[in-house]
Amino acid sequence: MELVKAKHKQTGGCNGLSFSDLDEQINAEYSEIKKVFEKLLAEKKIVYLNHLNGRSLSLPK
């Protein structure tokens, strides 16, 4: 969650945090990361942004 907040502050909320950025900073299994994302998405603390080049995570606007 802190990584998403930091990226949101850095970019002004225009760009999300890509999965490759997260993978570089978090040393965990993909299944564990996915569970955390699903929980945060269900709680509406983060949202997916669908870009032409893929998907990223951001704070809700």
Protein backbone atom coordinates (compact mmCIF):
# COMPACT_ATOMS: atom_id res chain seq x y z
CA MET A 1 0.00 0.00 0.00
CA GLU A 2 2.86 2.38 0.80
CA LEU A 3 4.36 1.82 -2.65
CA VAL A 4 1.08 2.73 -4.34
CA LYS A 5 0.73 5.86 -2.17
CA ALA A 6 4.30 6.95 -2.92
CA LYS A 7 3.83 6.53 -6.69
CA HIS A 8 0.47 8.36 -6.51
CA LYS A 9 2.12 11.29 -4.73
CA GLN A 10 5.05 11.31 -7.17
CA THR A 11 2.91 11.33 -10.32
CA GLY A 12 -0.08 13.26 -8.99
CA GLY A 13 -2.31 10.23 -9.50
CA CYS A 14 -2.00 10.27 -13.28
CA ASN A 15 -0.01 7.07 -13.60
CA GLY A 16 -0.44 3.88 -11.67
CA LEU A 17 2.16 1.56 -10.27
CA SER A 18 2.99 -1.20 -12.71
CA PHE A 19 3.41 -4.81 -11.68
CA SER A 20 7.04 -4.77 -12.80
CA ASP A 21 7.72 -1.87 -10.39
CA LEU A 22 6.17 -3.89 -7.59
CA ASP A 23 8.02 -7.05 -8.52
CA GLU A 24 11.34 -5.22 -8.24
CA GLN A 25 10.55 -3.85 -4.77
CA ILE A 26 8.69 -6.76 -3.19
CA ASN A 27 10.43 -10.08 -2.72
CA ALA A 28 7.43 -12.37 -2.43
CA GLU A 29 5.68 -15.08 -4.36
CA TYR A 30 3.24 -13.99 -7.06
CA SER A 31 0.37 -15.83 -5.35
CA GLU A 32 0.99 -13.94 -2.09
CA ILE A 33 1.08 -10.59 -3.86
CA LYS A 34 -2.11 -11.45 -5.75
CA LYS A 35 -3.92 -12.27 -2.48
CA VAL A 36 -2.92 -8.90 -1.01
CA PHE A 37 -4.09 -7.08 -4.16
CA GLU A 38 -7.41 -8.90 -4.14
CA LYS A 39 -7.94 -7.90 -0.51
CA LEU A 40 -7.06 -4.24 -1.16
CA LEU A 41 -9.29 -4.21 -4.27
CA ALA A 42 -12.21 -5.66 -2.30
CA GLU A 43 -11.73 -3.00 0.38
CA LYS A 44 -11.58 -0.37 -2.41
CA LYS A 45 -8.24 0.95 -1.18
CA ILE A 46 -6.66 0.51 -4.63
CA VAL A 47 -8.03 0.29 -8.16
CA TYR A 48 -6.82 -1.09 -11.47
CA LEU A 49 -6.06 1.35 -14.27
CA ASN A 50 -6.37 -0.16 -17.74
CA HIS A 51 -3.87 1.43 -20.10
CA LEU A 52 -3.14 0.67 -23.72
CA ASN A 53 0.15 -0.91 -22.61
CA GLY A 54 -1.25 -3.00 -19.77
CA ARG A 55 -2.66 -2.73 -16.28
CA SER A 56 -1.43 -0.83 -13.25
CA LEU A 57 -2.53 -0.09 -9.69
CA SER A 58 -3.49 3.29 -8.26
CA LEU A 59 -5.39 4.90 -5.43
CA PRO A 60 -9.09 5.57 -6.12
CA LYS A 61 -9.89 9.08 -7.31
